[in-house]
Amino acid sequence: MKKLVLVAVMAIGTTFLMSFTKAFNEKKVKTEVVVMQSDYEEGWEDGYCEGWKDVKGQYAICPITPICPIPEIGCSEGYKCGYNRGFKAGMKAAKEN
C-alpha cells in the first residue's frame, strides 16, 4: 500500500512539475513602440522650451512639455506655427511659475 501511494505521489508530482516547462519554453515576442511626431509637434516642444528659457534665463532647465494642442485652422507652416504657439505658452507658464 505504501508503495502504491508513493508511486501515485511521484506521478502527480512529475505531472505537476512538467506543466511548468511549457511556460518557460514559449517564445517571447518583442514589440517596439514607435512615436512619430509631426513638424507641428516638434515645433511646439522646441518653442515651449525656448519660451521658458526666455523668461527664466538661458541656462534654465526646461520642464516637461505639456501635450501639444491641435493646430489652428489657418496654420499652413507646421513647424513654425507649432514653435510660435509653444514659445508663447512656454513664456506664459514661466511667468506664472
PDB file of N, CA and C in Angstrom:
ATOM      1  N   MET A   1       0.827  -1.193   0.000  1.00  0.00           N
ATOM      2  CA  MET A   1       0.000   0.000   0.000  1.00  0.00           C
ATOM      3  C   MET A   1       0.868   1.253   0.000  1.00  0.00           C
ATOM      4  N   LYS A   2       1.965   1.219   0.800  1.00  0.00           N
ATOM      5  CA  LYS A   2       2.844   2.378   0.861  1.00  0.00           C
ATOM      6  C   LYS A   2       3.505   2.632  -0.490  1.00  0.00           C
ATOM      7  N   LYS A   3       3.868   1.558  -1.183  1.00  0.00           N
ATOM      8  CA  LYS A   3       4.496   1.717  -2.491  1.00  0.00           C
ATOM      9  C   LYS A   3       3.517   2.317  -3.500  1.00  0.00           C
ATOM     10  N   LEU A   4       2.275   1.915  -3.431  1.00  0.00           N
ATOM     11  CA  LEU A   4       1.251   2.439  -4.341  1.00  0.00           C
ATOM     12  C   LEU A   4       1.034   3.932  -4.109  1.00  0.00           C
ATOM     13  N   VAL A   5       0.988   4.353  -2.853  1.00  0.00           N
ATOM     14  CA  VAL A   5       0.826   5.773  -2.524  1.00  0.00           C
ATOM     15  C   VAL A   5       2.057   6.552  -2.982  1.00  0.00           C
ATOM     16  N   LEU A   6       3.244   5.987  -2.773  1.00  0.00           N
ATOM     17  CA  LEU A   6       4.482   6.646  -3.187  1.00  0.00           C
ATOM     18  C   LEU A   6       4.528   6.820  -4.705  1.00  0.00           C
ATOM     19  N   VAL A   7       4.148   5.797  -5.446  1.00  0.00           N
ATOM     20  CA  VAL A   7       4.128   5.875  -6.911  1.00  0.00           C
ATOM     21  C   VAL A   7       3.100   6.912  -7.367  1.00  0.00           C
ATOM     22  N   ALA A   8       1.936   6.954  -6.739  1.00  0.00           N
ATOM     23  CA  ALA A   8       0.897   7.922  -7.107  1.00  0.00           C
ATOM     24  C   ALA A   8       1.362   9.352  -6.833  1.00  0.00           C
ATOM     25  N   VAL A   9       2.005   9.579  -5.687  1.00  0.00           N
ATOM     26  CA  VAL A   9       2.508  10.915  -5.345  1.00  0.00           C
ATOM     27  C   VAL A   9       3.591  11.335  -6.327  1.00  0.00           C
ATOM     28  N   MET A  10       4.469  10.405  -6.687  1.00  0.00           N
ATOM     29  CA  MET A  10       5.533  10.732  -7.638  1.00  0.00           C
ATOM     30  C   MET A  10       4.958  11.038  -9.021  1.00  0.00           C
ATOM     31  N   ALA A  11       3.949  10.295  -9.440  1.00  0.00           N
ATOM     32  CA  ALA A  11       3.334  10.529 -10.747  1.00  0.00           C
ATOM     33  C   ALA A  11       2.640  11.893 -10.772  1.00  0.00           C
ATOM     34  N   ILE A  12       1.927  12.218  -9.721  1.00  0.00           N
ATOM     35  CA  ILE A  12       1.247  13.515  -9.646  1.00  0.00           C
ATOM     36  C   ILE A  12       2.270  14.642  -9.572  1.00  0.00           C
ATOM     37  N   GLY A  13       3.324  14.444  -8.789  1.00  0.00           N
ATOM     38  CA  GLY A  13       4.377  15.457  -8.670  1.00  0.00           C
ATOM     39  C   GLY A  13       5.084  15.700  -9.990  1.00  0.00           C
ATOM     40  N   THR A  14       5.397  14.617 -10.706  1.00  0.00           N
ATOM     41  CA  THR A  14       6.056  14.754 -12.008  1.00  0.00           C
ATOM     42  C   THR A  14       5.149  15.483 -12.995  1.00  0.00           C
ATOM     43  N   THR A  15       3.885  15.146 -13.016  1.00  0.00           N
ATOM     44  CA  THR A  15       2.936  15.823 -13.898  1.00  0.00           C
ATOM     45  C   THR A  15       2.834  17.300 -13.545  1.00  0.00           C
ATOM     46  N   PHE A  16       2.809  17.592 -12.272  1.00  0.00           N
ATOM     47  CA  PHE A  16       2.727  18.983 -11.816  1.00  0.00           C
ATOM     48  C   PHE A  16       3.955  19.772 -12.251  1.00  0.00           C
ATOM     49  N   LEU A  17       5.138  19.200 -12.063  1.00  0.00           N
ATOM     50  CA  LEU A  17       6.372  19.893 -12.437  1.00  0.00           C
ATOM     51  C   LEU A  17       6.514  20.037 -13.949  1.00  0.00           C
ATOM     52  N   MET A  18       6.071  19.059 -14.705  1.00  0.00           N
ATOM     53  CA  MET A  18       6.166  19.125 -16.162  1.00  0.00           C
ATOM     54  C   MET A  18       5.221  20.170 -16.746  1.00  0.00           C
ATOM     55  N   SER A  19       4.172  20.505 -16.036  1.00  0.00           N
ATOM     56  CA  SER A  19       3.229  21.501 -16.551  1.00  0.00           C
ATOM     57  C   SER A  19       3.857  22.890 -16.611  1.00  0.00           C
ATOM     58  N   PHE A  20       4.910  23.147 -15.829  1.00  0.00           N
ATOM     59  CA  PHE A  20       5.576  24.448 -15.838  1.00  0.00           C
ATOM     60  C   PHE A  20       6.585  24.590 -16.973  1.00  0.00           C
ATOM     61  N   THR A  21       7.026  23.489 -17.550  1.00  0.00           N
ATOM     62  CA  THR A  21       8.050  23.576 -18.594  1.00  0.00           C
ATOM     63  C   THR A  21       7.519  24.228 -19.858  1.00  0.00           C
ATOM     64  N   LYS A  22       6.254  24.108 -20.160  1.00  0.00           N
ATOM     65  CA  LYS A  22       5.684  24.753 -21.344  1.00  0.00           C
ATOM     66  C   LYS A  22       5.770  26.268 -21.236  1.00  0.00           C
ATOM     67  N   ALA A  23       5.511  26.789 -20.070  1.00  0.00           N
ATOM     68  CA  ALA A  23       5.524  28.239 -19.885  1.00  0.00           C
ATOM     69  C   ALA A  23       6.915  28.809 -20.107  1.00  0.00           C
ATOM     70  N   PHE A  24       7.955  28.072 -19.759  1.00  0.00           N
ATOM     71  CA  PHE A  24       9.316  28.572 -19.915  1.00  0.00           C
ATOM     72  C   PHE A  24       9.836  28.394 -21.336  1.00  0.00           C
ATOM     73  N   ASN A  25       9.290  27.460 -22.084  1.00  0.00           N
ATOM     74  CA  ASN A  25       9.774  27.201 -23.435  1.00  0.00           C
ATOM     75  C   ASN A  25       9.094  28.060 -24.497  1.00  0.00           C
ATOM     76  N   GLU A  26       8.053  28.768 -24.151  1.00  0.00           N
ATOM     77  CA  GLU A  26       7.355  29.591 -25.133  1.00  0.00           C
ATOM     78  C   GLU A  26       8.234  30.758 -25.554  1.00  0.00           C
ATOM     79  N   LYS A  27       8.152  31.089 -26.815  1.00  0.00           N
ATOM     80  CA  LYS A  27       8.943  32.201 -27.331  1.00  0.00           C
ATOM     81  C   LYS A  27       8.260  33.512 -26.984  1.00  0.00           C
ATOM     82  N   LYS A  28       9.080  34.469 -26.615  1.00  0.00           N
ATOM     83  CA  LYS A  28       8.551  35.782 -26.279  1.00  0.00           C
ATOM     84  C   LYS A  28       8.643  36.672 -27.508  1.00  0.00           C
ATOM     85  N   VAL A  29       7.630  37.460 -27.719  1.00  0.00           N
ATOM     86  CA  VAL A  29       7.587  38.356 -28.867  1.00  0.00           C
ATOM     87  C   VAL A  29       7.995  39.747 -28.408  1.00  0.00           C
ATOM     88  N   LYS A  30       8.983  40.298 -29.079  1.00  0.00           N
ATOM     89  CA  LYS A  30       9.416  41.646 -28.742  1.00  0.00           C
ATOM     90  C   LYS A  30       8.578  42.644 -29.525  1.00  0.00           C
ATOM     91  N   THR A  31       8.181  43.689 -28.852  1.00  0.00           N
ATOM     92  CA  THR A  31       7.427  44.743 -29.518  1.00  0.00           C
ATOM     93  C   THR A  31       8.180  46.050 -29.380  1.00  0.00           C
ATOM     94  N   GLU A  32       8.014  46.896 -30.361  1.00  0.00           N
ATOM     95  CA  GLU A  32       8.642  48.204 -30.338  1.00  0.00           C
ATOM     96  C   GLU A  32       7.560  49.266 -30.389  1.00  0.00           C
ATOM     97  N   VAL A  33       7.806  50.326 -29.658  1.00  0.00           N
ATOM     98  CA  VAL A  33       6.890  51.451 -29.678  1.00  0.00           C
ATOM     99  C   VAL A  33       7.533  52.541 -30.521  1.00  0.00           C
ATOM    100  N   VAL A  34       6.852  52.929 -31.563  1.00  0.00           N
ATOM    101  CA  VAL A  34       7.361  53.966 -32.447  1.00  0.00           C
ATOM    102  C   VAL A  34       6.501  55.204 -32.251  1.00  0.00           C
ATOM    103  N   VAL A  35       7.156  56.277 -31.862  1.00  0.00           N
ATOM    104  CA  VAL A  35       6.440  57.525 -31.648  1.00  0.00           C
ATOM    105  C   VAL A  35       6.782  58.448 -32.804  1.00  0.00           C
ATOM    106  N   MET A  36       5.775  58.794 -33.562  1.00  0.00           N
ATOM    107  CA  MET A  36       6.000  59.694 -34.687  1.00  0.00           C
ATOM    108  C   MET A  36       5.420  61.048 -34.337  1.00  0.00           C
ATOM    109  N   GLN A  37       6.202  62.075 -34.582  1.00  0.00           N
ATOM    110  CA  GLN A  37       5.759  63.421 -34.301  1.00  0.00           C
ATOM    111  C   GLN A  37       5.645  64.188 -35.605  1.00  0.00           C
ATOM    112  N   SER A  38       4.657  65.026 -35.663  1.00  0.00           N
ATOM    113  CA  SER A  38       4.540  65.897 -36.819  1.00  0.00           C
ATOM    114  C   SER A  38       5.485  67.076 -36.634  1.00  0.00           C
ATOM    115  N   ASP A  39       5.663  67.827 -37.690  1.00  0.00           N
ATOM    116  CA  ASP A  39       6.501  69.023 -37.605  1.00  0.00           C
ATOM    117  C   ASP A  39       5.921  70.008 -36.597  1.00  0.00           C
ATOM    118  N   TYR A  40       4.606  70.091 -36.562  1.00  0.00           N
ATOM    119  CA  TYR A  40       3.944  71.000 -35.626  1.00  0.00           C
ATOM    120  C   TYR A  40       4.293  70.633 -34.185  1.00  0.00           C
ATOM    121  N   GLU A  41       4.241  69.336 -33.871  1.00  0.00           N
ATOM    122  CA  GLU A  41       4.540  68.887 -32.507  1.00  0.00           C
ATOM    123  C   GLU A  41       6.003  69.123 -32.137  1.00  0.00           C
ATOM    124  N   GLU A  42       6.893  68.915 -33.086  1.00  0.00           N
ATOM    125  CA  GLU A  42       8.307  69.187 -32.815  1.00  0.00           C
ATOM    126  C   GLU A  42       8.522  70.675 -32.567  1.00  0.00           C
ATOM    127  N   GLY A  43       7.865  71.506 -33.372  1.00  0.00           N
ATOM    128  CA  GLY A  43       7.955  72.949 -33.176  1.00  0.00           C
ATOM    129  C   GLY A  43       7.389  73.368 -31.834  1.00  0.00           C
ATOM    130  N   TRP A  44       6.284  72.747 -31.426  1.00  0.00           N
ATOM    131  CA  TRP A  44       5.666  73.044 -30.138  1.00  0.00           C
ATOM    132  C   TRP A  44       6.651  72.770 -28.999  1.00  0.00           C
ATOM    133  N   GLU A  45       7.292  71.609 -29.035  1.00  0.00           N
ATOM    134  CA  GLU A  45       8.229  71.257 -27.963  1.00  0.00           C
ATOM    135  C   GLU A  45       9.435  72.189 -27.934  1.00  0.00           C
ATOM    136  N   ASP A  46       9.991  72.471 -29.102  1.00  0.00           N
ATOM    137  CA  ASP A  46      11.146  73.373 -29.161  1.00  0.00           C
ATOM    138  C   ASP A  46      10.767  74.778 -28.719  1.00  0.00           C
ATOM    139  N   GLY A  47       9.627  75.263 -29.191  1.00  0.00           N
ATOM    140  CA  GLY A  47       9.181  76.609 -28.841  1.00  0.00           C
ATOM    141  C   GLY A  47       8.854  76.744 -27.368  1.00  0.00           C
ATOM    142  N   TYR A  48       8.238  75.731 -26.787  1.00  0.00           N
ATOM    143  CA  TYR A  48       7.884  75.780 -25.365  1.00  0.00           C
ATOM    144  C   TYR A  48       9.143  75.906 -24.516  1.00  0.00           C
ATOM    145  N   CYS A  49      10.140  75.121 -24.843  1.00  0.00           N
ATOM    146  CA  CYS A  49      11.399  75.159 -24.095  1.00  0.00           C
ATOM    147  C   CYS A  49      12.079  76.516 -24.254  1.00  0.00           C
ATOM    148  N   GLU A  50      12.117  77.029 -25.460  1.00  0.00           N
ATOM    149  CA  GLU A  50      12.764  78.324 -25.696  1.00  0.00           C
ATOM    150  C   GLU A  50      11.998  79.460 -25.024  1.00  0.00           C
ATOM    151  N   GLY A  51      10.675  79.386 -25.018  1.00  0.00           N
ATOM    152  CA  GLY A  51       9.872  80.389 -24.327  1.00  0.00           C
ATOM    153  C   GLY A  51      10.126  80.368 -22.831  1.00  0.00           C
ATOM    154  N   TRP A  52      10.264  79.181 -22.270  1.00  0.00           N
ATOM    155  CA  TRP A  52      10.573  79.025 -20.842  1.00  0.00           C
ATOM    156  C   TRP A  52      11.932  79.647 -20.534  1.00  0.00           C
ATOM    157  N   LYS A  53      12.911  79.351 -21.379  1.00  0.00           N
ATOM    158  CA  LYS A  53      14.262  79.879 -21.176  1.00  0.00           C
ATOM    159  C   LYS A  53      14.319  81.391 -21.370  1.00  0.00           C
ATOM    160  N   ASP A  54      13.456  81.922 -22.226  1.00  0.00           N
ATOM    161  CA  ASP A  54      13.427  83.364 -22.459  1.00  0.00           C
ATOM    162  C   ASP A  54      13.073  84.111 -21.175  1.00  0.00           C
ATOM    163  N   VAL A  55      12.203  83.532 -20.366  1.00  0.00           N
ATOM    164  CA  VAL A  55      11.783  84.165 -19.113  1.00  0.00           C
ATOM    165  C   VAL A  55      12.727  83.792 -17.967  1.00  0.00           C
ATOM    166  N   LYS A  56      13.076  82.513 -17.845  1.00  0.00           N
ATOM    167  CA  LYS A  56      13.845  82.025 -16.699  1.00  0.00           C
ATOM    168  C   LYS A  56      15.357  82.195 -16.845  1.00  0.00           C
ATOM    169  N   GLY A  57      15.826  82.373 -18.045  1.00  0.00           N
ATOM    170  CA  GLY A  57      17.264  82.517 -18.267  1.00  0.00           C
ATOM    171  C   GLY A  57      17.780  81.454 -19.212  1.00  0.00           C
ATOM    172  N   GLN A  58      18.897  81.753 -19.836  1.00  0.00           N
ATOM    173  CA  GLN A  58      19.456  80.896 -20.874  1.00  0.00           C
ATOM    174  C   GLN A  58      19.796  79.492 -20.373  1.00  0.00           C
ATOM    175  N   TYR A  59      20.222  79.369 -19.130  1.00  0.00           N
ATOM    176  CA  TYR A  59      20.672  78.077 -18.611  1.00  0.00           C
ATOM    177  C   TYR A  59      19.607  77.362 -17.774  1.00  0.00           C
ATOM    178  N   ALA A  60      18.377  77.817 -17.862  1.00  0.00           N
ATOM    179  CA  ALA A  60      17.289  77.170 -17.124  1.00  0.00           C
ATOM    180  C   ALA A  60      17.004  75.795 -17.728  1.00  0.00           C
ATOM    181  N   ILE A  61      16.593  74.881 -16.888  1.00  0.00           N
ATOM    182  CA  ILE A  61      16.232  73.544 -17.353  1.00  0.00           C
ATOM    183  C   ILE A  61      14.770  73.572 -17.771  1.00  0.00           C
ATOM    184  N   CYS A  62      14.519  73.086 -18.964  1.00  0.00           N
ATOM    185  CA  CYS A  62      13.150  73.090 -19.488  1.00  0.00           C
ATOM    186  C   CYS A  62      12.290  72.079 -18.727  1.00  0.00           C
ATOM    187  N   PRO A  63      11.065  72.451 -18.401  1.00  0.00           N
ATOM    188  CA  PRO A  63      10.165  71.493 -17.751  1.00  0.00           C
ATOM    189  C   PRO A  63       9.629  70.500 -18.781  1.00  0.00           C
ATOM    190  N   ILE A  64       8.884  69.542 -18.306  1.00  0.00           N
ATOM    191  CA  ILE A  64       8.242  68.594 -19.217  1.00  0.00           C
ATOM    192  C   ILE A  64       7.218  69.363 -20.039  1.00  0.00           C
ATOM    193  N   THR A  65       7.309  69.208 -21.337  1.00  0.00           N
ATOM    194  CA  THR A  65       6.418  69.930 -22.238  1.00  0.00           C
ATOM    195  C   THR A  65       5.011  69.355 -22.132  1.00  0.00           C
ATOM    196  N   PRO A  66       4.001  70.220 -21.992  1.00  0.00           N
ATOM    197  CA  PRO A  66       2.627  69.704 -21.954  1.00  0.00           C
ATOM    198  C   PRO A  66       2.213  69.130 -23.311  1.00  0.00           C
ATOM    199  N   ILE A  67       1.102  68.453 -23.315  1.00  0.00           N
ATOM    200  CA  ILE A  67       0.598  67.844 -24.546  1.00  0.00           C
ATOM    201  C   ILE A  67       0.337  68.930 -25.581  1.00  0.00           C
ATOM    202  N   CYS A  68       0.746  68.643 -26.780  1.00  0.00           N
ATOM    203  CA  CYS A  68       0.619  69.595 -27.877  1.00  0.00           C
ATOM    204  C   CYS A  68      -0.858  69.799 -28.233  1.00  0.00           C
ATOM    205  N   PRO A  69      -1.285  71.071 -28.352  1.00  0.00           N
ATOM    206  CA  PRO A  69      -2.670  71.311 -28.758  1.00  0.00           C
ATOM    207  C   PRO A  69      -2.856  71.054 -30.253  1.00  0.00           C
ATOM    208  N   ILE A  70      -4.085  70.989 -30.670  1.00  0.00           N
ATOM    209  CA  ILE A  70      -4.403  70.798 -32.084  1.00  0.00           C
ATOM    210  C   ILE A  70      -4.023  72.069 -32.842  1.00  0.00           C
ATOM    211  N   PRO A  71      -3.408  71.939 -34.020  1.00  0.00           N
ATOM    212  CA  PRO A  71      -3.022  73.133 -34.783  1.00  0.00           C
ATOM    213  C   PRO A  71      -4.234  73.992 -35.151  1.00  0.00           C
ATOM    214  N   GLU A  72      -3.990  75.281 -35.228  1.00  0.00           N
ATOM    215  CA  GLU A  72      -5.061  76.189 -35.629  1.00  0.00           C
ATOM    216  C   GLU A  72      -5.372  75.992 -37.109  1.00  0.00           C
ATOM    217  N   ILE A  73      -6.563  76.362 -37.515  1.00  0.00           N
ATOM    218  CA  ILE A  73      -7.035  76.098 -38.871  1.00  0.00           C
ATOM    219  C   ILE A  73      -6.209  76.826 -39.934  1.00  0.00           C
ATOM    220  N   GLY A  74      -5.864  78.074 -39.716  1.00  0.00           N
ATOM    221  CA  GLY A  74      -5.164  78.847 -40.731  1.00  0.00           C
ATOM    222  C   GLY A  74      -3.668  78.605 -40.790  1.00  0.00           C
ATOM    223  N   CYS A  75      -3.161  77.672 -40.050  1.00  0.00           N
ATOM    224  CA  CYS A  75      -1.717  77.443 -39.962  1.00  0.00           C
ATOM    225  C   CYS A  75      -1.266  76.505 -41.081  1.00  0.00           C
ATOM    226  N   SER A  76      -0.477  77.033 -42.017  1.00  0.00           N
ATOM    227  CA  SER A  76      -0.014  76.204 -43.127  1.00  0.00           C
ATOM    228  C   SER A  76       1.435  75.749 -42.947  1.00  0.00           C
ATOM    229  N   GLU A  77       2.207  76.449 -42.126  1.00  0.00           N
ATOM    230  CA  GLU A  77       3.604  76.087 -41.890  1.00  0.00           C
ATOM    231  C   GLU A  77       3.697  75.347 -40.558  1.00  0.00           C
ATOM    232  N   GLY A  78       3.810  74.045 -40.611  1.00  0.00           N
ATOM    233  CA  GLY A  78       3.723  73.202 -39.423  1.00  0.00           C
ATOM    234  C   GLY A  78       4.687  73.535 -38.305  1.00  0.00           C
ATOM    235  N   TYR A  79       5.988  73.436 -38.561  1.00  0.00           N
ATOM    236  CA  TYR A  79       6.975  73.635 -37.502  1.00  0.00           C
ATOM    237  C   TYR A  79       6.919  75.054 -36.967  1.00  0.00           C
ATOM    238  N   LYS A  80       6.862  76.013 -37.866  1.00  0.00           N
ATOM    239  CA  LYS A  80       6.881  77.426 -37.464  1.00  0.00           C
ATOM    240  C   LYS A  80       5.660  77.775 -36.617  1.00  0.00           C
ATOM    241  N   CYS A  81       4.492  77.300 -37.020  1.00  0.00           N
ATOM    242  CA  CYS A  81       3.272  77.572 -36.245  1.00  0.00           C
ATOM    243  C   CYS A  81       3.343  76.914 -34.863  1.00  0.00           C
ATOM    244  N   GLY A  82       3.820  75.682 -34.817  1.00  0.00           N
ATOM    245  CA  GLY A  82       3.958  74.991 -33.540  1.00  0.00           C
ATOM    246  C   GLY A  82       4.979  75.669 -32.645  1.00  0.00           C
ATOM    247  N   TYR A  83       6.077  76.126 -33.240  1.00  0.00           N
ATOM    248  CA  TYR A  83       7.122  76.804 -32.475  1.00  0.00           C
ATOM    249  C   TYR A  83       6.588  78.099 -31.868  1.00  0.00           C
ATOM    250  N   ASN A  84       5.918  78.905 -32.686  1.00  0.00           N
ATOM    251  CA  ASN A  84       5.396  80.187 -32.196  1.00  0.00           C
ATOM    252  C   ASN A  84       4.374  79.988 -31.079  1.00  0.00           C
ATOM    253  N   ARG A  85       3.485  79.038 -31.269  1.00  0.00           N
ATOM    254  CA  ARG A  85       2.467  78.783 -30.246  1.00  0.00           C
ATOM    255  C   ARG A  85       3.100  78.218 -28.973  1.00  0.00           C
ATOM    256  N   GLY A  86       4.071  77.332 -29.133  1.00  0.00           N
ATOM    257  CA  GLY A  86       4.773  76.768 -27.981  1.00  0.00           C
ATOM    258  C   GLY A  86       5.592  77.812 -27.247  1.00  0.00           C
ATOM    259  N   PHE A  87       6.212  78.732 -27.990  1.00  0.00           N
ATOM    260  CA  PHE A  87       7.010  79.793 -27.379  1.00  0.00           C
ATOM    261  C   PHE A  87       6.133  80.660 -26.480  1.00  0.00           C
ATOM    262  N   LYS A  88       4.963  81.034 -26.987  1.00  0.00           N
ATOM    263  CA  LYS A  88       4.038  81.858 -26.186  1.00  0.00           C
ATOM    264  C   LYS A  88       3.570  81.098 -24.944  1.00  0.00           C
ATOM    265  N   ALA A  89       3.257  79.818 -25.118  1.00  0.00           N
ATOM    266  CA  ALA A  89       2.790  79.015 -23.977  1.00  0.00           C
ATOM    267  C   ALA A  89       3.904  78.826 -22.950  1.00  0.00           C
ATOM    268  N   GLY A  90       5.129  78.629 -23.417  1.00  0.00           N
ATOM    269  CA  GLY A  90       6.263  78.474 -22.505  1.00  0.00           C
ATOM    270  C   GLY A  90       6.539  79.739 -21.714  1.00  0.00           C
ATOM    271  N   MET A  91       6.445  80.887 -22.379  1.00  0.00           N
ATOM    272  CA  MET A  91       6.642  82.164 -21.680  1.00  0.00           C
ATOM    273  C   MET A  91       5.561  82.374 -20.622  1.00  0.00           C
ATOM    274  N   LYS A  92       4.324  82.073 -20.996  1.00  0.00           N
ATOM    275  CA  LYS A  92       3.205  82.252 -20.064  1.00  0.00           C
ATOM    276  C   LYS A  92       3.371  81.343 -18.841  1.00  0.00           C
ATOM    277  N   ALA A  93       3.750  80.095 -19.078  1.00  0.00           N
ATOM    278  CA  ALA A  93       3.929  79.148 -17.970  1.00  0.00           C
ATOM    279  C   ALA A  93       5.085  79.568 -17.067  1.00  0.00           C
ATOM    280  N   ALA A  94       6.156  80.090 -17.651  1.00  0.00           N
ATOM    281  CA  ALA A  94       7.312  80.510 -16.853  1.00  0.00           C
ATOM    282  C   ALA A  94       6.974  81.728 -16.001  1.00  0.00           C
ATOM    283  N   LYS A  95       6.162  82.623 -16.527  1.00  0.00           N
ATOM    284  CA  LYS A  95       5.775  83.815 -15.763  1.00  0.00           C
ATOM    285  C   LYS A  95       4.851  83.449 -14.606  1.00  0.00           C
ATOM    286  N   GLU A  96       3.998  82.461 -14.815  1.00  0.00           N
ATOM    287  CA  GLU A  96       3.063  82.033 -13.768  1.00  0.00           C
ATOM    288  C   GLU A  96       3.765  81.224 -12.683  1.00  0.00           C
ATOM    289  N   ASN A  97       4.890  80.645 -13.019  1.00  0.00           N
ATOM    290  CA  ASN A  97       5.594  79.788 -12.067  1.00  0.00           C
ATOM    291  C   ASN A  97       6.462  80.609 -11.152  1.00  0.00           C
TER     292      ASN A  97
END
